[in-house]
N, C-alpha and C. Protein backbone atom coordinates (compact mmCIF):
# COMPACT_ATOMS: atom_id res chain seq x y z
N MET A 1 78.53 12.46 -193.88
CA MET A 1 77.31 12.10 -194.61
C MET A 1 76.94 13.24 -195.56
N SER A 2 76.22 12.88 -196.64
CA SER A 2 75.86 13.88 -197.65
C SER A 2 74.35 13.89 -197.86
N LEU A 3 73.79 15.09 -197.99
CA LEU A 3 72.37 15.25 -198.28
C LEU A 3 72.18 15.20 -199.79
N PHE A 4 71.40 14.24 -200.26
CA PHE A 4 71.24 14.04 -201.69
C PHE A 4 70.36 15.12 -202.33
N SER A 5 70.71 15.48 -203.56
CA SER A 5 69.90 16.40 -204.36
C SER A 5 69.98 15.98 -205.82
N THR A 6 68.86 16.06 -206.51
CA THR A 6 68.86 15.76 -207.94
C THR A 6 69.59 16.84 -208.73
N GLU A 7 70.00 17.91 -208.06
CA GLU A 7 70.78 18.97 -208.71
C GLU A 7 72.28 18.78 -208.49
N CYS A 8 72.67 17.64 -207.93
CA CYS A 8 74.10 17.39 -207.70
C CYS A 8 74.87 17.46 -209.02
N ARG A 9 76.01 18.16 -208.98
CA ARG A 9 76.87 18.29 -210.17
C ARG A 9 78.33 18.05 -209.79
N ARG A 10 78.56 17.18 -208.84
CA ARG A 10 79.92 16.99 -208.32
C ARG A 10 80.86 16.30 -209.31
N CYS A 11 80.31 15.53 -210.22
CA CYS A 11 81.16 14.79 -211.17
C CYS A 11 81.02 15.43 -212.56
N PRO A 12 82.00 16.19 -213.01
CA PRO A 12 81.88 16.93 -214.28
C PRO A 12 81.57 16.04 -215.47
N ARG A 13 82.22 14.89 -215.58
CA ARG A 13 81.99 14.01 -216.73
C ARG A 13 80.54 13.55 -216.77
N LEU A 14 80.00 13.16 -215.62
CA LEU A 14 78.63 12.69 -215.57
C LEU A 14 77.64 13.82 -215.81
N SER A 15 77.91 14.99 -215.24
CA SER A 15 77.00 16.13 -215.45
C SER A 15 76.94 16.52 -216.91
N GLU A 16 78.07 16.52 -217.57
CA GLU A 16 78.11 16.88 -219.00
C GLU A 16 77.38 15.82 -219.83
N PHE A 17 77.58 14.57 -219.48
CA PHE A 17 76.91 13.50 -220.20
C PHE A 17 75.39 13.60 -220.05
N LEU A 18 74.92 13.88 -218.85
CA LEU A 18 73.48 14.00 -218.63
C LEU A 18 72.89 15.19 -219.37
N LEU A 19 73.67 16.24 -219.51
CA LEU A 19 73.21 17.39 -220.28
C LEU A 19 72.94 16.99 -221.73
N HIS A 20 73.85 16.21 -222.30
CA HIS A 20 73.66 15.73 -223.68
C HIS A 20 72.46 14.79 -223.76
N VAL A 21 72.27 13.95 -222.74
CA VAL A 21 71.14 13.02 -222.74
C VAL A 21 69.82 13.78 -222.69
N ARG A 22 69.75 14.83 -221.88
CA ARG A 22 68.51 15.64 -221.80
C ARG A 22 68.21 16.31 -223.13
N GLN A 23 69.25 16.69 -223.85
CA GLN A 23 69.04 17.30 -225.16
C GLN A 23 68.54 16.27 -226.17
N GLN A 24 69.05 15.06 -226.06
CA GLN A 24 68.64 14.00 -226.97
C GLN A 24 67.27 13.44 -226.62
N TYR A 25 66.99 13.36 -225.31
CA TYR A 25 65.71 12.80 -224.83
C TYR A 25 65.08 13.81 -223.86
N PRO A 26 64.41 14.83 -224.37
CA PRO A 26 63.87 15.90 -223.52
C PRO A 26 62.89 15.42 -222.45
N GLY A 27 62.24 14.29 -222.69
CA GLY A 27 61.26 13.80 -221.72
C GLY A 27 61.84 12.94 -220.62
N TYR A 28 63.14 12.67 -220.67
CA TYR A 28 63.78 11.81 -219.67
C TYR A 28 64.10 12.60 -218.40
N HIS A 29 64.15 11.89 -217.29
CA HIS A 29 64.58 12.48 -216.02
C HIS A 29 66.01 13.01 -216.17
N ALA A 30 66.93 12.16 -216.59
CA ALA A 30 68.31 12.53 -216.95
C ALA A 30 68.99 13.44 -215.93
N ARG A 31 68.83 13.09 -214.68
CA ARG A 31 69.47 13.78 -213.56
C ARG A 31 69.85 12.72 -212.52
N PRO A 32 70.55 13.10 -211.46
CA PRO A 32 70.80 12.13 -210.40
C PRO A 32 69.48 11.52 -209.93
N VAL A 33 69.50 10.23 -209.64
CA VAL A 33 68.28 9.49 -209.30
C VAL A 33 68.19 9.28 -207.79
N GLU A 34 67.07 9.69 -207.24
CA GLU A 34 66.81 9.55 -205.81
C GLU A 34 66.53 8.10 -205.45
N SER A 35 66.83 7.72 -204.21
CA SER A 35 66.50 6.39 -203.73
C SER A 35 64.99 6.23 -203.68
N PHE A 36 64.54 4.98 -203.63
CA PHE A 36 63.11 4.69 -203.65
C PHE A 36 62.80 3.70 -202.53
N GLY A 37 61.74 3.99 -201.76
CA GLY A 37 61.30 3.07 -200.73
C GLY A 37 61.16 3.73 -199.38
N GLU A 38 61.10 2.91 -198.35
CA GLU A 38 60.90 3.40 -196.99
C GLU A 38 62.13 4.14 -196.48
N ILE A 39 61.90 5.12 -195.61
CA ILE A 39 62.97 5.95 -195.11
C ILE A 39 63.87 5.19 -194.13
N ASN A 40 63.29 4.39 -193.26
CA ASN A 40 64.07 3.62 -192.29
C ASN A 40 63.82 2.14 -192.51
N PRO A 41 64.39 1.58 -193.57
CA PRO A 41 64.08 0.20 -193.95
C PRO A 41 64.84 -0.83 -193.14
N ARG A 42 64.35 -2.05 -193.18
CA ARG A 42 65.10 -3.19 -192.62
C ARG A 42 66.02 -3.78 -193.68
N PHE A 43 65.81 -3.37 -194.94
CA PHE A 43 66.44 -4.01 -196.08
C PHE A 43 66.77 -2.95 -197.13
N LEU A 44 68.06 -2.78 -197.40
CA LEU A 44 68.52 -1.81 -198.39
C LEU A 44 69.17 -2.54 -199.56
N ILE A 45 68.76 -2.22 -200.78
CA ILE A 45 69.34 -2.80 -201.99
C ILE A 45 70.22 -1.76 -202.65
N VAL A 46 71.44 -2.15 -203.00
CA VAL A 46 72.38 -1.23 -203.64
C VAL A 46 72.74 -1.76 -205.02
N GLY A 47 72.35 -1.02 -206.05
CA GLY A 47 72.69 -1.38 -207.42
C GLY A 47 73.93 -0.64 -207.88
N LEU A 48 74.17 -0.68 -209.17
CA LEU A 48 75.35 -0.02 -209.74
C LEU A 48 75.07 1.45 -210.05
N ALA A 49 74.22 1.70 -211.04
CA ALA A 49 73.94 3.06 -211.50
C ALA A 49 72.65 3.03 -212.32
N PRO A 50 72.00 4.17 -212.55
CA PRO A 50 70.80 4.20 -213.39
C PRO A 50 71.10 3.73 -214.81
N GLY A 51 70.14 3.03 -215.41
CA GLY A 51 70.25 2.63 -216.81
C GLY A 51 69.72 3.72 -217.73
N MET A 52 70.24 3.78 -218.94
CA MET A 52 69.87 4.84 -219.88
C MET A 52 68.35 4.95 -220.06
N HIS A 53 67.69 3.84 -220.34
CA HIS A 53 66.25 3.88 -220.62
C HIS A 53 65.44 3.33 -219.45
N GLY A 54 66.10 3.17 -218.31
CA GLY A 54 65.43 2.73 -217.09
C GLY A 54 65.27 3.90 -216.14
N ALA A 55 66.02 3.85 -215.02
CA ALA A 55 65.91 4.92 -214.02
C ALA A 55 66.28 6.28 -214.57
N ASN A 56 67.19 6.33 -215.52
CA ASN A 56 67.55 7.62 -216.13
C ASN A 56 66.35 8.23 -216.85
N ARG A 57 65.44 7.39 -217.32
CA ARG A 57 64.23 7.88 -217.99
C ARG A 57 63.12 8.19 -216.99
N THR A 58 62.86 7.24 -216.07
CA THR A 58 61.70 7.36 -215.18
C THR A 58 61.98 8.12 -213.89
N GLY A 59 63.26 8.17 -213.49
CA GLY A 59 63.59 8.82 -212.23
C GLY A 59 63.44 7.92 -211.03
N ARG A 60 63.16 6.63 -211.24
CA ARG A 60 63.02 5.68 -210.14
C ARG A 60 63.98 4.51 -210.35
N PRO A 61 64.74 4.11 -209.34
CA PRO A 61 65.70 3.02 -209.50
C PRO A 61 65.06 1.74 -210.04
N PHE A 62 65.71 1.15 -211.04
CA PHE A 62 65.32 -0.14 -211.61
C PHE A 62 63.91 -0.13 -212.21
N SER A 63 63.47 1.00 -212.69
CA SER A 63 62.14 1.09 -213.30
C SER A 63 62.29 1.48 -214.77
N GLY A 64 61.99 0.53 -215.65
CA GLY A 64 62.03 0.81 -217.08
C GLY A 64 63.04 -0.01 -217.83
N ASP A 65 63.90 -0.76 -217.12
CA ASP A 65 64.85 -1.62 -217.81
C ASP A 65 64.66 -3.07 -217.38
N TYR A 66 65.35 -3.96 -218.06
CA TYR A 66 65.15 -5.39 -217.85
C TYR A 66 65.45 -5.82 -216.41
N ALA A 67 66.50 -5.25 -215.83
CA ALA A 67 66.90 -5.65 -214.47
C ALA A 67 65.78 -5.44 -213.47
N GLY A 68 65.00 -4.37 -213.64
CA GLY A 68 63.93 -4.09 -212.71
C GLY A 68 62.81 -5.12 -212.73
N ASN A 69 62.61 -5.77 -213.88
CA ASN A 69 61.55 -6.78 -213.96
C ASN A 69 61.80 -7.92 -212.97
N LEU A 70 63.02 -8.44 -212.97
CA LEU A 70 63.36 -9.52 -212.05
C LEU A 70 63.41 -9.02 -210.61
N LEU A 71 63.98 -7.84 -210.40
CA LEU A 71 64.10 -7.33 -209.04
C LEU A 71 62.74 -7.13 -208.39
N TYR A 72 61.85 -6.40 -209.05
CA TYR A 72 60.57 -6.09 -208.43
C TYR A 72 59.67 -7.33 -208.34
N ALA A 73 59.75 -8.23 -209.30
CA ALA A 73 58.98 -9.47 -209.21
C ALA A 73 59.41 -10.28 -208.01
N SER A 74 60.71 -10.33 -207.76
CA SER A 74 61.22 -11.08 -206.62
C SER A 74 60.85 -10.41 -205.31
N LEU A 75 60.95 -9.09 -205.26
CA LEU A 75 60.57 -8.37 -204.05
C LEU A 75 59.08 -8.58 -203.74
N HIS A 76 58.26 -8.56 -204.77
CA HIS A 76 56.83 -8.78 -204.58
C HIS A 76 56.56 -10.20 -204.07
N LYS A 77 57.25 -11.18 -204.63
CA LYS A 77 57.05 -12.58 -204.23
C LYS A 77 57.31 -12.78 -202.75
N PHE A 78 58.27 -12.06 -202.20
CA PHE A 78 58.64 -12.24 -200.80
C PHE A 78 58.09 -11.14 -199.88
N GLY A 79 57.14 -10.36 -200.39
CA GLY A 79 56.43 -9.41 -199.55
C GLY A 79 57.10 -8.08 -199.33
N PHE A 80 58.14 -7.77 -200.11
CA PHE A 80 58.83 -6.49 -199.95
C PHE A 80 58.30 -5.40 -200.88
N ALA A 81 57.39 -5.76 -201.79
CA ALA A 81 56.79 -4.79 -202.71
C ALA A 81 55.31 -5.09 -202.87
N THR A 82 54.51 -4.06 -203.08
CA THR A 82 53.07 -4.23 -203.17
C THR A 82 52.62 -4.83 -204.50
N CYS A 83 53.47 -4.74 -205.52
CA CYS A 83 53.15 -5.36 -206.80
C CYS A 83 54.45 -5.65 -207.54
N ALA A 84 54.34 -6.40 -208.62
CA ALA A 84 55.53 -6.84 -209.34
C ALA A 84 55.87 -5.96 -210.53
N GLU A 85 54.96 -5.05 -210.91
CA GLU A 85 55.13 -4.28 -212.14
C GLU A 85 55.73 -2.90 -211.84
N PRO A 86 56.96 -2.65 -212.27
CA PRO A 86 57.56 -1.34 -212.01
C PRO A 86 57.00 -0.22 -212.87
N LEU A 87 56.34 -0.58 -214.00
CA LEU A 87 55.84 0.43 -214.93
C LEU A 87 54.34 0.30 -215.14
N THR A 88 53.72 1.40 -215.55
CA THR A 88 52.33 1.37 -216.00
C THR A 88 52.31 0.92 -217.46
N VAL A 89 51.11 0.72 -218.00
CA VAL A 89 51.00 0.34 -219.41
C VAL A 89 51.51 1.45 -220.33
N ALA A 90 51.54 2.68 -219.80
CA ALA A 90 52.04 3.81 -220.57
C ALA A 90 53.57 3.93 -220.48
N GLY A 91 54.20 3.05 -219.71
CA GLY A 91 55.64 3.06 -219.60
C GLY A 91 56.21 4.01 -218.55
N GLU A 92 55.36 4.53 -217.68
CA GLU A 92 55.82 5.41 -216.60
C GLU A 92 56.00 4.61 -215.31
N ALA A 93 56.73 5.19 -214.35
CA ALA A 93 56.90 4.54 -213.05
C ALA A 93 55.54 4.29 -212.43
N ASN A 94 55.30 3.08 -212.00
CA ASN A 94 54.00 2.65 -211.49
C ASN A 94 53.70 3.32 -210.15
N PRO A 95 52.67 4.18 -210.08
CA PRO A 95 52.36 4.86 -208.82
C PRO A 95 51.78 3.92 -207.77
N GLU A 96 51.33 2.73 -208.19
CA GLU A 96 50.77 1.76 -207.26
C GLU A 96 51.85 0.94 -206.56
N LEU A 97 53.07 1.00 -207.07
CA LEU A 97 54.16 0.21 -206.50
C LEU A 97 54.72 0.90 -205.26
N ARG A 98 54.70 0.17 -204.15
CA ARG A 98 55.29 0.64 -202.90
C ARG A 98 56.20 -0.45 -202.36
N LEU A 99 57.29 -0.05 -201.76
CA LEU A 99 58.18 -1.00 -201.10
C LEU A 99 57.81 -1.08 -199.62
N GLN A 100 57.96 -2.27 -199.06
CA GLN A 100 57.55 -2.54 -197.68
C GLN A 100 58.77 -3.03 -196.88
N GLY A 101 59.25 -2.17 -195.98
CA GLY A 101 60.43 -2.50 -195.20
C GLY A 101 61.69 -2.52 -196.03
N CYS A 102 61.66 -1.90 -197.18
CA CYS A 102 62.73 -2.03 -198.17
C CYS A 102 63.00 -0.68 -198.84
N ARG A 103 64.22 -0.51 -199.34
CA ARG A 103 64.62 0.70 -200.03
C ARG A 103 65.65 0.33 -201.09
N ILE A 104 65.65 1.04 -202.22
CA ILE A 104 66.57 0.76 -203.31
C ILE A 104 67.37 2.02 -203.63
N THR A 105 68.68 1.86 -203.79
CA THR A 105 69.55 2.96 -204.15
C THR A 105 70.62 2.44 -205.10
N ASN A 106 71.56 3.29 -205.47
CA ASN A 106 72.66 2.89 -206.35
C ASN A 106 73.99 3.41 -205.81
N ALA A 107 75.06 2.70 -206.16
CA ALA A 107 76.40 3.14 -205.78
C ALA A 107 76.73 4.47 -206.44
N VAL A 108 76.24 4.68 -207.67
CA VAL A 108 76.40 5.93 -208.41
C VAL A 108 75.02 6.39 -208.83
N ARG A 109 74.69 7.64 -208.54
CA ARG A 109 73.33 8.13 -208.74
C ARG A 109 73.05 8.64 -210.15
N CYS A 110 74.10 8.83 -210.96
CA CYS A 110 73.93 9.35 -212.31
C CYS A 110 74.25 8.28 -213.36
N LEU A 111 73.58 8.36 -214.47
CA LEU A 111 73.88 7.49 -215.61
C LEU A 111 75.30 7.75 -216.10
N PRO A 112 76.16 6.72 -216.11
CA PRO A 112 77.51 6.92 -216.65
C PRO A 112 77.60 6.47 -218.11
N PRO A 113 78.46 7.05 -218.90
CA PRO A 113 78.65 6.58 -220.28
C PRO A 113 79.02 5.10 -220.31
N GLN A 114 78.40 4.35 -221.21
CA GLN A 114 78.62 2.91 -221.34
C GLN A 114 78.34 2.16 -220.04
N ASN A 115 77.58 2.78 -219.16
CA ASN A 115 77.24 2.19 -217.86
C ASN A 115 78.48 1.84 -217.05
N LYS A 116 79.55 2.62 -217.23
CA LYS A 116 80.81 2.35 -216.53
C LYS A 116 81.28 3.60 -215.79
N PRO A 117 80.92 3.70 -214.51
CA PRO A 117 81.42 4.85 -213.74
C PRO A 117 82.92 4.73 -213.48
N GLU A 118 83.58 5.86 -213.37
CA GLU A 118 85.00 5.86 -213.07
C GLU A 118 85.19 5.76 -211.55
N PRO A 119 86.34 5.24 -211.10
CA PRO A 119 86.58 5.10 -209.66
C PRO A 119 86.37 6.39 -208.87
N ALA A 120 86.81 7.51 -209.43
CA ALA A 120 86.65 8.79 -208.73
C ALA A 120 85.18 9.15 -208.57
N GLU A 121 84.34 8.77 -209.54
CA GLU A 121 82.91 9.06 -209.47
C GLU A 121 82.24 8.19 -208.42
N ILE A 122 82.68 6.95 -208.31
CA ILE A 122 82.15 6.05 -207.27
C ILE A 122 82.49 6.60 -205.90
N ARG A 123 83.72 7.08 -205.75
CA ARG A 123 84.13 7.65 -204.46
C ARG A 123 83.35 8.92 -204.15
N GLU A 124 83.15 9.77 -205.15
CA GLU A 124 82.45 11.04 -204.94
C GLU A 124 81.01 10.80 -204.50
N CYS A 125 80.40 9.76 -205.02
CA CYS A 125 79.00 9.46 -204.71
C CYS A 125 78.84 8.67 -203.42
N ASN A 126 79.96 8.21 -202.85
CA ASN A 126 79.87 7.31 -201.70
C ASN A 126 79.28 7.97 -200.46
N GLY A 127 79.41 9.29 -200.37
CA GLY A 127 78.83 9.98 -199.22
C GLY A 127 77.33 9.80 -199.13
N TYR A 128 76.67 9.72 -200.29
CA TYR A 128 75.22 9.49 -200.29
C TYR A 128 74.90 8.10 -199.73
N LEU A 129 75.74 7.12 -200.06
CA LEU A 129 75.52 5.77 -199.54
C LEU A 129 75.79 5.72 -198.04
N VAL A 130 76.77 6.48 -197.58
CA VAL A 130 77.00 6.60 -196.13
C VAL A 130 75.72 7.05 -195.44
N SER A 131 75.06 8.04 -196.01
CA SER A 131 73.81 8.56 -195.43
C SER A 131 72.71 7.50 -195.43
N GLU A 132 72.63 6.71 -196.51
CA GLU A 132 71.63 5.65 -196.57
C GLU A 132 71.88 4.59 -195.49
N LEU A 133 73.13 4.18 -195.36
CA LEU A 133 73.46 3.15 -194.39
C LEU A 133 73.25 3.63 -192.95
N ALA A 134 73.43 4.92 -192.73
CA ALA A 134 73.25 5.48 -191.39
C ALA A 134 71.81 5.38 -190.92
N GLN A 135 70.87 5.22 -191.84
CA GLN A 135 69.46 5.11 -191.47
C GLN A 135 69.08 3.70 -191.03
N LEU A 136 69.98 2.75 -191.20
CA LEU A 136 69.67 1.35 -190.90
C LEU A 136 69.97 1.02 -189.45
N GLN A 137 69.14 0.14 -188.90
CA GLN A 137 69.36 -0.34 -187.55
C GLN A 137 70.26 -1.57 -187.58
N SER A 138 70.86 -1.89 -186.46
CA SER A 138 71.67 -3.10 -186.35
C SER A 138 70.82 -4.32 -186.72
N GLY A 139 71.40 -5.21 -187.51
CA GLY A 139 70.67 -6.40 -187.96
C GLY A 139 70.00 -6.22 -189.30
N ALA A 140 70.00 -5.00 -189.84
CA ALA A 140 69.38 -4.76 -191.15
C ALA A 140 70.17 -5.48 -192.24
N ALA A 141 69.48 -5.81 -193.32
CA ALA A 141 70.09 -6.49 -194.46
C ALA A 141 70.42 -5.49 -195.56
N VAL A 142 71.59 -5.66 -196.15
CA VAL A 142 72.01 -4.86 -197.31
C VAL A 142 72.34 -5.83 -198.43
N LEU A 143 71.68 -5.66 -199.57
CA LEU A 143 71.93 -6.50 -200.73
C LEU A 143 72.74 -5.72 -201.75
N ALA A 144 73.95 -6.21 -202.05
CA ALA A 144 74.80 -5.59 -203.06
C ALA A 144 74.64 -6.34 -204.37
N LEU A 145 74.23 -5.62 -205.41
CA LEU A 145 74.06 -6.23 -206.73
C LEU A 145 75.33 -6.01 -207.55
N GLY A 146 76.26 -6.94 -207.44
CA GLY A 146 77.50 -6.87 -208.19
C GLY A 146 78.67 -6.36 -207.36
N THR A 147 79.85 -6.51 -207.91
CA THR A 147 81.08 -6.19 -207.20
C THR A 147 81.21 -4.71 -206.87
N ILE A 148 80.86 -3.83 -207.81
CA ILE A 148 81.00 -2.40 -207.55
C ILE A 148 80.11 -1.97 -206.40
N ALA A 149 78.87 -2.44 -206.37
CA ALA A 149 77.96 -2.11 -205.27
C ALA A 149 78.50 -2.66 -203.96
N HIS A 150 78.99 -3.89 -203.99
CA HIS A 150 79.57 -4.53 -202.80
C HIS A 150 80.72 -3.69 -202.25
N GLN A 151 81.63 -3.29 -203.11
CA GLN A 151 82.78 -2.51 -202.66
C GLN A 151 82.37 -1.11 -202.21
N ALA A 152 81.33 -0.55 -202.82
CA ALA A 152 80.85 0.76 -202.39
C ALA A 152 80.29 0.69 -200.97
N VAL A 153 79.59 -0.39 -200.64
CA VAL A 153 79.08 -0.58 -199.29
C VAL A 153 80.24 -0.66 -198.30
N LEU A 154 81.26 -1.44 -198.63
CA LEU A 154 82.42 -1.57 -197.75
C LEU A 154 83.11 -0.22 -197.56
N SER A 155 83.25 0.54 -198.63
CA SER A 155 83.87 1.87 -198.52
C SER A 155 83.06 2.77 -197.61
N ALA A 156 81.75 2.72 -197.76
CA ALA A 156 80.87 3.55 -196.93
C ALA A 156 80.96 3.16 -195.45
N CYS A 157 81.27 1.88 -195.20
CA CYS A 157 81.42 1.39 -193.83
C CYS A 157 82.86 1.48 -193.33
N LYS A 158 83.75 2.03 -194.19
CA LYS A 158 85.17 2.17 -193.87
C LYS A 158 85.81 0.82 -193.55
N LEU A 159 85.52 -0.17 -194.39
CA LEU A 159 86.07 -1.51 -194.23
C LEU A 159 86.98 -1.84 -195.41
N ARG A 160 87.98 -2.66 -195.16
CA ARG A 160 88.91 -3.06 -196.21
C ARG A 160 88.23 -4.02 -197.18
N LYS A 161 88.32 -3.74 -198.46
CA LYS A 161 87.65 -4.56 -199.47
C LYS A 161 88.22 -5.98 -199.50
N SER A 162 89.51 -6.11 -199.26
CA SER A 162 90.13 -7.44 -199.31
C SER A 162 89.65 -8.35 -198.20
N ALA A 163 89.15 -7.78 -197.12
CA ALA A 163 88.71 -8.59 -195.99
C ALA A 163 87.31 -9.16 -196.17
N TRP A 164 86.58 -8.60 -197.14
CA TRP A 164 85.19 -9.00 -197.35
C TRP A 164 84.96 -9.19 -198.85
N PRO A 165 85.45 -10.27 -199.45
CA PRO A 165 85.37 -10.45 -200.91
C PRO A 165 83.94 -10.72 -201.40
N PHE A 166 83.68 -10.22 -202.61
CA PHE A 166 82.37 -10.45 -203.24
C PHE A 166 82.28 -11.87 -203.78
N SER A 167 81.12 -12.48 -203.59
CA SER A 167 80.82 -13.79 -204.17
C SER A 167 79.31 -13.96 -204.18
N HIS A 168 78.76 -14.38 -205.31
CA HIS A 168 77.31 -14.53 -205.37
C HIS A 168 76.84 -15.49 -204.29
N GLY A 169 75.81 -15.05 -203.56
CA GLY A 169 75.25 -15.86 -202.49
C GLY A 169 75.95 -15.74 -201.16
N ALA A 170 77.05 -14.97 -201.12
CA ALA A 170 77.80 -14.82 -199.87
C ALA A 170 77.03 -13.93 -198.90
N GLN A 171 77.29 -14.15 -197.61
CA GLN A 171 76.74 -13.33 -196.55
C GLN A 171 77.88 -12.88 -195.65
N HIS A 172 77.83 -11.62 -195.24
CA HIS A 172 78.91 -11.05 -194.44
C HIS A 172 78.31 -10.32 -193.23
N GLU A 173 78.68 -10.74 -192.04
CA GLU A 173 78.32 -10.01 -190.83
C GLU A 173 79.34 -8.89 -190.65
N LEU A 174 78.92 -7.66 -190.87
CA LEU A 174 79.84 -6.53 -190.79
C LEU A 174 79.98 -6.04 -189.35
N PRO A 175 81.11 -5.44 -189.02
CA PRO A 175 81.35 -5.00 -187.64
C PRO A 175 80.34 -3.98 -187.13
N ASN A 176 79.71 -3.24 -188.02
CA ASN A 176 78.74 -2.23 -187.59
C ASN A 176 77.34 -2.80 -187.35
N GLY A 177 77.20 -4.12 -187.43
CA GLY A 177 75.91 -4.75 -187.15
C GLY A 177 75.05 -5.00 -188.36
N LEU A 178 75.48 -4.54 -189.53
CA LEU A 178 74.73 -4.79 -190.75
C LEU A 178 75.09 -6.16 -191.32
N HIS A 179 74.16 -6.75 -192.05
CA HIS A 179 74.36 -8.06 -192.66
C HIS A 179 74.35 -7.87 -194.17
N LEU A 180 75.51 -8.03 -194.80
CA LEU A 180 75.66 -7.79 -196.23
C LEU A 180 75.49 -9.08 -197.02
N PHE A 181 74.58 -9.05 -197.99
CA PHE A 181 74.33 -10.17 -198.89
C PHE A 181 74.83 -9.79 -200.28
N ASP A 182 75.39 -10.75 -201.00
CA ASP A 182 75.89 -10.52 -202.35
C ASP A 182 75.08 -11.27 -203.39
N SER A 183 74.86 -10.61 -204.52
CA SER A 183 74.24 -11.27 -205.67
C SER A 183 74.84 -10.69 -206.94
N TYR A 184 74.94 -11.52 -207.96
CA TYR A 184 75.22 -10.97 -209.27
C TYR A 184 74.13 -9.97 -209.61
N HIS A 185 74.48 -8.96 -210.37
CA HIS A 185 73.50 -7.95 -210.78
C HIS A 185 72.45 -8.62 -211.67
N CYS A 186 71.19 -8.21 -211.49
CA CYS A 186 70.09 -8.81 -212.25
C CYS A 186 69.93 -8.13 -213.61
N SER A 187 71.03 -7.95 -214.30
CA SER A 187 71.03 -7.31 -215.61
C SER A 187 70.58 -8.28 -216.70
N ARG A 188 70.21 -7.72 -217.84
CA ARG A 188 69.82 -8.56 -218.97
C ARG A 188 70.97 -9.49 -219.37
N TYR A 189 72.20 -8.96 -219.39
CA TYR A 189 73.35 -9.79 -219.79
C TYR A 189 73.51 -10.98 -218.85
N ASN A 190 73.46 -10.74 -217.55
CA ASN A 190 73.66 -11.84 -216.61
C ASN A 190 72.55 -12.89 -216.66
N THR A 191 71.33 -12.44 -216.89
CA THR A 191 70.23 -13.41 -216.94
C THR A 191 70.18 -14.15 -218.27
N GLN A 192 70.49 -13.45 -219.36
CA GLN A 192 70.46 -14.12 -220.66
C GLN A 192 71.59 -15.13 -220.81
N THR A 193 72.73 -14.86 -220.17
CA THR A 193 73.86 -15.81 -220.23
C THR A 193 73.73 -16.89 -219.16
N ARG A 194 72.68 -16.78 -218.35
CA ARG A 194 72.42 -17.76 -217.28
C ARG A 194 73.45 -17.69 -216.16
N ARG A 195 74.23 -16.64 -216.14
CA ARG A 195 75.11 -16.44 -214.98
C ARG A 195 74.26 -16.26 -213.73
N LEU A 196 73.11 -15.61 -213.92
CA LEU A 196 72.14 -15.44 -212.85
C LEU A 196 70.78 -15.89 -213.35
N THR A 197 70.17 -16.83 -212.65
CA THR A 197 68.83 -17.29 -212.99
C THR A 197 67.82 -16.74 -211.98
N THR A 198 66.56 -16.83 -212.35
CA THR A 198 65.51 -16.39 -211.43
C THR A 198 65.59 -17.17 -210.12
N VAL A 199 65.82 -18.47 -210.22
CA VAL A 199 65.93 -19.32 -209.02
C VAL A 199 67.08 -18.85 -208.14
N MET A 200 68.22 -18.56 -208.76
CA MET A 200 69.38 -18.10 -207.99
C MET A 200 69.09 -16.78 -207.27
N PHE A 201 68.45 -15.86 -208.00
CA PHE A 201 68.19 -14.55 -207.41
C PHE A 201 67.15 -14.64 -206.30
N GLU A 202 66.11 -15.41 -206.55
CA GLU A 202 65.07 -15.56 -205.52
C GLU A 202 65.62 -16.24 -204.28
N ALA A 203 66.61 -17.11 -204.45
CA ALA A 203 67.21 -17.78 -203.29
C ALA A 203 67.89 -16.76 -202.38
N VAL A 204 68.53 -15.75 -202.98
CA VAL A 204 69.17 -14.70 -202.18
C VAL A 204 68.11 -13.89 -201.43
N ILE A 205 67.04 -13.51 -202.11
CA ILE A 205 65.97 -12.75 -201.45
C ILE A 205 65.34 -13.58 -200.34
N HIS A 206 65.20 -14.87 -200.56
CA HIS A 206 64.65 -15.75 -199.52
C HIS A 206 65.57 -15.78 -198.30
N GLU A 207 66.88 -15.81 -198.51
CA GLU A 207 67.82 -15.78 -197.40
C GLU A 207 67.69 -14.47 -196.62
N ILE A 208 67.48 -13.38 -197.33
CA ILE A 208 67.29 -12.09 -196.66
C ILE A 208 66.00 -12.08 -195.85
N GLU A 209 64.94 -12.61 -196.42
CA GLU A 209 63.67 -12.72 -195.69
C GLU A 209 63.86 -13.52 -194.41
N SER A 210 64.58 -14.64 -194.50
CA SER A 210 64.81 -15.49 -193.33
C SER A 210 65.66 -14.76 -192.29
N HIS A 211 66.69 -14.07 -192.75
CA HIS A 211 67.54 -13.31 -191.83
C HIS A 211 66.74 -12.26 -191.09
N LEU A 212 65.91 -11.51 -191.80
CA LEU A 212 65.12 -10.46 -191.15
C LEU A 212 64.11 -11.05 -190.17
N GLY A 213 63.58 -12.23 -190.49
CA GLY A 213 62.68 -12.89 -189.57
C GLY A 213 63.38 -13.28 -188.28
N ARG A 214 64.61 -13.77 -188.41
CA ARG A 214 65.38 -14.13 -187.22
C ARG A 214 65.76 -12.89 -186.42
N ALA A 215 66.18 -11.83 -187.13
CA ALA A 215 66.60 -10.60 -186.46
C ALA A 215 65.45 -9.97 -185.66
N ALA A 216 64.23 -10.13 -186.18
CA ALA A 216 63.07 -9.53 -185.51
C ALA A 216 62.75 -10.22 -184.20
N THR A 217 63.22 -11.45 -184.02
CA THR A 217 62.92 -12.19 -182.79
C THR A 217 64.01 -12.04 -181.73
N VAL A 218 65.11 -11.39 -182.11
CA VAL A 218 66.22 -11.23 -181.16
C VAL A 218 65.94 -10.09 -180.19
């Protein structure tokens, strides 16, 4: 397991890129992004990586870009967030927003060029995800947003990727007691092309809510 730090510099390409971003945008966070939410959640969300003008700017996962609008609105609808707005009117991370029984992280903690992390960078960052998963109790839900997040979860659990294929809406009972849910990433591209609709995404969150309700009665 790895102890996360915003001073992490393990990936030279990403560290160099963030240095250039900080020079171009002095007011941006432009460092590795810490997870957000409860420390011992029943529900962990795993995204891909910080967005340039989203988490890379605000320092909070999914805050400031289009994907966060759908994510936080859906979490609020099902009681996992105290409000639906990730930002204040000034464009900063909303201090009133709290997650309830939920936590958000990314497979890669640093903004990658063209939003495309390299395989070695995903592997290097996987130790942080191992630490996140270790905080979960048996029966907890893990939501993977996209194939890379899905495979990062499997790697962190030391499971073969071929045995647990990604598919939107799929559910996987993992040997370690975790319940993995899959969804297409709630990115602007996926929603604008209708690959992922609000109804589709909310259906996945509803399934997670139902699963956690059942798990609580066991």
